[in-house]
Amino acid sequence: MPDVRLRPVQRDDLSWMVAMAADKEAVGEHNWCGAPDADELLGRLHHQFQCDGFLDRRGGRLVVLVDGEAIGDVSWRPAQWGPSEGSVCPAIGIALLPQFRGKGYGTIAQRLLADHLFRECGAHRVQSDTAADNPAEQRALEKAGFRREGIVRDAEERDGRFHDHVLYGLLREEWQAASAE
């Protein structure tokens, strides 16, 4: 079995991150909104890297490695369900290069990210959502231990129309029970 790990973004990663963002196949049909301006995106990525290395108190991005090779990234941002700080949870996402999809790496990477968020960041809940017409990511989340919680109707505008998303969640006690097995 290949060795799947997460590591912080390094300066050398920025160029492949820009190339990936500009490649429709690499971004994937469920996330493609058109090619970004490469110079502008590289400038924003450099700025964010200098400011916080893509890791701050409430969000971040880590590179997914398989046997030492960068194959994509996982990220998280705050999702707020109520006015208190305790109502904030990390919402995770993933982007893998096309040739590495469908091999189980995304499941492992998302499980590793959830482990990090529960262990290191003290999360009570971790959530994710994906397009309702993306069964591959739905399976990956379920294999990573997330539970399907519902449909968010017309959540995303893509290709000139609105698309539903499926919401997934993993609670600390569910993660602890699965970790104990």
C-alpha atoms as a PDB file:
ATOM      1  CA  MET A   1       0.000   0.000   0.000  1.00  0.00           C
ATOM      2  CA  PRO A   2       1.396   3.414  -0.915  1.00  0.00           C
ATOM      3  CA  ASP A   3       2.378   5.803   1.877  1.00  0.00           C
ATOM      4  CA  VAL A   4      -0.140   8.692   2.007  1.00  0.00           C
ATOM      5  CA  ARG A   5       0.807  11.709   4.129  1.00  0.00           C
ATOM      6  CA  LEU A   6      -0.043  15.376   4.567  1.00  0.00           C
ATOM      7  CA  ARG A   7       2.537  18.140   4.887  1.00  0.00           C
ATOM      8  CA  PRO A   8       2.517  21.935   5.010  1.00  0.00           C
ATOM      9  CA  VAL A   9       2.672  23.839   1.724  1.00  0.00           C
ATOM     10  CA  GLN A  10       6.203  24.762   0.631  1.00  0.00           C
ATOM     11  CA  ARG A  11       7.174  27.624  -1.663  1.00  0.00           C
ATOM     12  CA  ASP A  12       7.990  25.134  -4.460  1.00  0.00           C
ATOM     13  CA  ASP A  13       4.372  23.911  -4.394  1.00  0.00           C
ATOM     14  CA  LEU A  14       2.946  27.242  -5.535  1.00  0.00           C
ATOM     15  CA  SER A  15       3.765  26.754  -9.226  1.00  0.00           C
ATOM     16  CA  TRP A  16       2.030  23.356  -9.495  1.00  0.00           C
ATOM     17  CA  MET A  17      -0.909  24.723  -7.506  1.00  0.00           C
ATOM     18  CA  VAL A  18      -1.331  27.471 -10.124  1.00  0.00           C
ATOM     19  CA  ALA A  19      -0.962  24.977 -12.987  1.00  0.00           C
ATOM     20  CA  MET A  20      -3.554  22.714 -11.378  1.00  0.00           C
ATOM     21  CA  ALA A  21      -6.019  25.603 -10.904  1.00  0.00           C
ATOM     22  CA  ALA A  22      -5.727  26.485 -14.604  1.00  0.00           C
ATOM     23  CA  ASP A  23      -6.312  22.913 -15.846  1.00  0.00           C
ATOM     24  CA  LYS A  24     -10.002  22.036 -16.261  1.00  0.00           C
ATOM     25  CA  GLU A  25      -9.353  18.292 -15.998  1.00  0.00           C
ATOM     26  CA  ALA A  26      -7.197  18.757 -12.892  1.00  0.00           C
ATOM     27  CA  VAL A  27      -9.765  20.978 -11.178  1.00  0.00           C
ATOM     28  CA  GLY A  28     -12.535  18.568 -12.098  1.00  0.00           C
ATOM     29  CA  GLU A  29     -15.960  19.116 -13.555  1.00  0.00           C
ATOM     30  CA  HIS A  30     -17.532  19.779 -10.151  1.00  0.00           C
ATOM     31  CA  ASN A  31     -15.168  22.642  -9.276  1.00  0.00           C
ATOM     32  CA  TRP A  32     -14.387  24.248 -12.628  1.00  0.00           C
ATOM     33  CA  CYS A  33     -15.453  27.891 -12.901  1.00  0.00           C
ATOM     34  CA  GLY A  34     -13.028  28.935 -15.623  1.00  0.00           C
ATOM     35  CA  ALA A  35      -9.285  29.438 -15.739  1.00  0.00           C
ATOM     36  CA  PRO A  36      -7.940  31.994 -13.273  1.00  0.00           C
ATOM     37  CA  ASP A  37      -5.421  34.635 -14.268  1.00  0.00           C
ATOM     38  CA  ALA A  38      -2.219  32.683 -13.547  1.00  0.00           C
ATOM     39  CA  ASP A  39      -0.103  35.704 -12.576  1.00  0.00           C
ATOM     40  CA  GLU A  40      -2.792  37.074 -10.268  1.00  0.00           C
ATOM     41  CA  LEU A  41      -3.314  33.670  -8.642  1.00  0.00           C
ATOM     42  CA  LEU A  42       0.426  33.132  -8.176  1.00  0.00           C
ATOM     43  CA  GLY A  43       0.649  36.565  -6.549  1.00  0.00           C
ATOM     44  CA  ARG A  44      -2.202  35.744  -4.154  1.00  0.00           C
ATOM     45  CA  LEU A  45      -0.681  32.357  -3.308  1.00  0.00           C
ATOM     46  CA  HIS A  46       2.744  33.932  -2.666  1.00  0.00           C
ATOM     47  CA  HIS A  47       1.128  36.550  -0.435  1.00  0.00           C
ATOM     48  CA  GLN A  48      -0.792  33.946   1.564  1.00  0.00           C
ATOM     49  CA  PHE A  49       2.305  31.747   1.843  1.00  0.00           C
ATOM     50  CA  GLN A  50       4.322  34.691   3.207  1.00  0.00           C
ATOM     51  CA  CYS A  51       1.554  35.702   5.626  1.00  0.00           C
ATOM     52  CA  ASP A  52       0.725  32.360   7.223  1.00  0.00           C
ATOM     53  CA  GLY A  53       2.120  29.479   5.173  1.00  0.00           C
ATOM     54  CA  PHE A  54      -1.499  28.448   4.426  1.00  0.00           C
ATOM     55  CA  LEU A  55      -1.985  27.603   8.103  1.00  0.00           C
ATOM     56  CA  ASP A  56      -3.777  29.868  10.521  1.00  0.00           C
ATOM     57  CA  ARG A  57      -5.996  29.433  13.545  1.00  0.00           C
ATOM     58  CA  ARG A  58      -9.201  28.812  11.596  1.00  0.00           C
ATOM     59  CA  GLY A  59      -8.225  27.457   8.213  1.00  0.00           C
ATOM     60  CA  GLY A  60      -5.470  26.094   6.077  1.00  0.00           C
ATOM     61  CA  ARG A  61      -4.176  23.923   3.301  1.00  0.00           C
ATOM     62  CA  LEU A  62      -1.890  20.875   3.353  1.00  0.00           C
ATOM     63  CA  VAL A  63      -0.267  19.034   0.460  1.00  0.00           C
ATOM     64  CA  VAL A  64      -1.235  15.389  -0.109  1.00  0.00           C
ATOM     65  CA  LEU A  65       1.797  13.175  -0.737  1.00  0.00           C
ATOM     66  CA  VAL A  66       1.819   9.606  -2.045  1.00  0.00           C
ATOM     67  CA  ASP A  67       5.201   7.952  -1.613  1.00  0.00           C
ATOM     68  CA  GLY A  68       6.694  11.449  -1.345  1.00  0.00           C
ATOM     69  CA  GLU A  69       5.080  12.812  -4.539  1.00  0.00           C
ATOM     70  CA  ALA A  70       2.675  15.774  -4.324  1.00  0.00           C
ATOM     71  CA  ILE A  71      -0.670  14.712  -5.813  1.00  0.00           C
ATOM     72  CA  GLY A  72      -2.990  17.500  -4.619  1.00  0.00           C
ATOM     73  CA  ASP A  73      -4.099  19.245  -1.467  1.00  0.00           C
ATOM     74  CA  VAL A  74      -6.649  19.236   1.323  1.00  0.00           C
ATOM     75  CA  SER A  75      -7.993  22.394   2.899  1.00  0.00           C
ATOM     76  CA  TRP A  76     -10.301  23.617   5.622  1.00  0.00           C
ATOM     77  CA  ARG A  77     -12.139  26.820   6.399  1.00  0.00           C
ATOM     78  CA  PRO A  78     -14.563  27.826   9.146  1.00  0.00           C
ATOM     79  CA  ALA A  79     -18.265  27.022   8.831  1.00  0.00           C
ATOM     80  CA  GLN A  80     -20.444  28.862  11.332  1.00  0.00           C
ATOM     81  CA  TRP A  81     -23.756  27.382  12.499  1.00  0.00           C
ATOM     82  CA  GLY A  82     -24.558  29.815  15.305  1.00  0.00           C
ATOM     83  CA  PRO A  83     -23.320  32.964  17.029  1.00  0.00           C
ATOM     84  CA  SER A  84     -20.986  31.303  19.567  1.00  0.00           C
ATOM     85  CA  GLU A  85     -17.390  30.279  18.912  1.00  0.00           C
ATOM     86  CA  GLY A  86     -18.435  26.706  19.734  1.00  0.00           C
ATOM     87  CA  SER A  87     -20.747  26.796  16.712  1.00  0.00           C
ATOM     88  CA  VAL A  88     -17.797  27.052  14.320  1.00  0.00           C
ATOM     89  CA  CYS A  89     -16.441  23.874  12.755  1.00  0.00           C
ATOM     90  CA  PRO A  90     -13.907  23.179  10.018  1.00  0.00           C
ATOM     91  CA  ALA A  91     -15.336  22.493   6.555  1.00  0.00           C
ATOM     92  CA  ILE A  92     -12.879  20.442   4.517  1.00  0.00           C
ATOM     93  CA  GLY A  93     -12.184  20.121   0.814  1.00  0.00           C
ATOM     94  CA  ILE A  94      -9.835  18.171  -1.421  1.00  0.00           C
ATOM     95  CA  ALA A  95      -8.303  18.499  -4.885  1.00  0.00           C
ATOM     96  CA  LEU A  96      -6.318  15.645  -6.437  1.00  0.00           C
ATOM     97  CA  LEU A  97      -4.643  15.419  -9.821  1.00  0.00           C
ATOM     98  CA  PRO A  98      -6.803  13.287 -12.161  1.00  0.00           C
ATOM     99  CA  GLN A  99      -4.378  10.368 -12.434  1.00  0.00           C
ATOM    100  CA  PHE A 100      -4.536   9.871  -8.650  1.00  0.00           C
ATOM    101  CA  ARG A 101      -8.328   9.806  -8.299  1.00  0.00           C
ATOM    102  CA  GLY A 102     -10.238   6.585  -7.709  1.00  0.00           C
ATOM    103  CA  LYS A 103      -7.328   4.879  -5.932  1.00  0.00           C
ATOM    104  CA  GLY A 104      -8.376   5.523  -2.323  1.00  0.00           C
ATOM    105  CA  TYR A 105      -5.882   8.341  -1.745  1.00  0.00           C
ATOM    106  CA  GLY A 106      -8.631  10.935  -1.268  1.00  0.00           C
ATOM    107  CA  THR A 107     -10.316   8.816   1.394  1.00  0.00           C
ATOM    108  CA  ILE A 108      -7.041   8.431   3.286  1.00  0.00           C
ATOM    109  CA  ALA A 109      -6.125  12.123   2.909  1.00  0.00           C
ATOM    110  CA  GLN A 110      -9.521  13.282   4.200  1.00  0.00           C
ATOM    111  CA  ARG A 111      -9.299  10.836   7.119  1.00  0.00           C
ATOM    112  CA  LEU A 112      -5.806  12.179   7.930  1.00  0.00           C
ATOM    113  CA  LEU A 113      -7.088  15.753   7.789  1.00  0.00           C
ATOM    114  CA  ALA A 114     -10.002  14.914  10.099  1.00  0.00           C
ATOM    115  CA  ASP A 115      -7.515  13.254  12.494  1.00  0.00           C
ATOM    116  CA  HIS A 116      -5.427  16.444  12.468  1.00  0.00           C
ATOM    117  CA  LEU A 117      -8.436  18.687  13.074  1.00  0.00           C
ATOM    118  CA  PHE A 118      -9.719  16.595  15.990  1.00  0.00           C
ATOM    119  CA  ARG A 119      -6.301  15.958  17.585  1.00  0.00           C
ATOM    120  CA  GLU A 120      -4.432  19.194  16.973  1.00  0.00           C
ATOM    121  CA  CYS A 121      -7.185  21.777  16.587  1.00  0.00           C
ATOM    122  CA  GLY A 122      -9.712  20.449  19.105  1.00  0.00           C
ATOM    123  CA  ALA A 123     -12.599  20.305  16.641  1.00  0.00           C
ATOM    124  CA  HIS A 124     -15.933  18.989  17.920  1.00  0.00           C
ATOM    125  CA  ARG A 125     -17.290  18.526  14.392  1.00  0.00           C
ATOM    126  CA  VAL A 126     -15.715  18.367  10.934  1.00  0.00           C
ATOM    127  CA  GLN A 127     -17.897  18.739   7.862  1.00  0.00           C
ATOM    128  CA  SER A 128     -17.655  18.608   4.108  1.00  0.00           C
ATOM    129  CA  ASP A 129     -19.974  19.035   1.187  1.00  0.00           C
ATOM    130  CA  THR A 130     -19.812  17.919  -2.385  1.00  0.00           C
ATOM    131  CA  ALA A 131     -21.903  18.228  -5.508  1.00  0.00           C
ATOM    132  CA  ALA A 132     -24.903  15.894  -5.507  1.00  0.00           C
ATOM    133  CA  ASP A 133     -23.721  14.637  -8.901  1.00  0.00           C
ATOM    134  CA  ASN A 134     -20.276  13.667  -7.521  1.00  0.00           C
ATOM    135  CA  PRO A 135     -20.757  10.081  -6.274  1.00  0.00           C
ATOM    136  CA  ALA A 136     -16.998   9.428  -6.148  1.00  0.00           C
ATOM    137  CA  GLU A 137     -16.444  12.101  -3.481  1.00  0.00           C
ATOM    138  CA  GLN A 138     -19.565  11.002  -1.624  1.00  0.00           C
ATOM    139  CA  ARG A 139     -18.139   7.453  -1.404  1.00  0.00           C
ATOM    140  CA  ALA A 140     -14.730   8.804  -0.335  1.00  0.00           C
ATOM    141  CA  LEU A 141     -16.274  10.828   2.496  1.00  0.00           C
ATOM    142  CA  GLU A 142     -18.374   7.889   3.671  1.00  0.00           C
ATOM    143  CA  LYS A 143     -15.321   5.591   3.625  1.00  0.00           C
ATOM    144  CA  ALA A 144     -13.446   8.251   5.627  1.00  0.00           C
ATOM    145  CA  GLY A 145     -16.135   8.000   8.321  1.00  0.00           C
ATOM    146  CA  PHE A 146     -18.333  10.978   7.474  1.00  0.00           C
ATOM    147  CA  ARG A 147     -22.119  10.633   7.670  1.00  0.00           C
ATOM    148  CA  ARG A 148     -24.469  11.992   5.045  1.00  0.00           C
ATOM    149  CA  GLU A 149     -26.554  14.679   6.762  1.00  0.00           C
ATOM    150  CA  GLY A 150     -28.697  16.157   4.027  1.00  0.00           C
ATOM    151  CA  ILE A 151     -29.070  18.039   0.775  1.00  0.00           C
ATOM    152  CA  VAL A 152     -28.317  21.744   0.437  1.00  0.00           C
ATOM    153  CA  ARG A 153     -30.500  22.766  -2.495  1.00  0.00           C
ATOM    154  CA  ASP A 154     -29.165  25.028  -5.264  1.00  0.00           C
ATOM    155  CA  ALA A 155     -25.980  25.576  -3.242  1.00  0.00           C
ATOM    156  CA  GLU A 156     -23.576  26.162  -6.113  1.00  0.00           C
ATOM    157  CA  GLU A 157     -23.777  28.023  -9.401  1.00  0.00           C
ATOM    158  CA  ARG A 158     -21.752  26.267 -12.070  1.00  0.00           C
ATOM    159  CA  ASP A 159     -22.075  26.239 -15.846  1.00  0.00           C
ATOM    160  CA  GLY A 160     -24.876  28.795 -15.743  1.00  0.00           C
ATOM    161  CA  ARG A 161     -27.176  26.774 -13.490  1.00  0.00           C
ATOM    162  CA  PHE A 162     -27.540  25.839  -9.848  1.00  0.00           C
ATOM    163  CA  HIS A 163     -26.549  22.485  -8.364  1.00  0.00           C
ATOM    164  CA  ASP A 164     -27.449  20.757  -5.115  1.00  0.00           C
ATOM    165  CA  HIS A 165     -24.768  19.738  -2.637  1.00  0.00           C
ATOM    166  CA  VAL A 166     -24.700  16.869  -0.150  1.00  0.00           C
ATOM    167  CA  LEU A 167     -23.620  17.789   3.391  1.00  0.00           C
ATOM    168  CA  TYR A 168     -21.480  15.353   5.394  1.00  0.00           C
ATOM    169  CA  GLY A 169     -20.393  15.530   9.021  1.00  0.00           C
ATOM    170  CA  LEU A 170     -18.151  13.695  11.461  1.00  0.00           C
ATOM    171  CA  LEU A 171     -18.476  14.289  15.205  1.00  0.00           C
ATOM    172  CA  ARG A 172     -15.662  13.920  17.717  1.00  0.00           C
ATOM    173  CA  GLU A 173     -17.331  10.956  19.464  1.00  0.00           C
ATOM    174  CA  GLU A 174     -17.806   9.164  16.116  1.00  0.00           C
ATOM    175  CA  TRP A 175     -14.167   9.790  15.245  1.00  0.00           C
ATOM    176  CA  GLN A 176     -13.033   8.549  18.677  1.00  0.00           C
ATOM    177  CA  ALA A 177     -15.132   5.380  18.366  1.00  0.00           C
ATOM    178  CA  ALA A 178     -13.740   4.670  14.886  1.00  0.00           C
ATOM    179  CA  SER A 179     -10.176   5.387  16.084  1.00  0.00           C
ATOM    180  CA  ALA A 180     -10.586   2.901  18.943  1.00  0.00           C
ATOM    181  CA  GLU A 181     -11.512   0.043  16.569  1.00  0.00           C
END
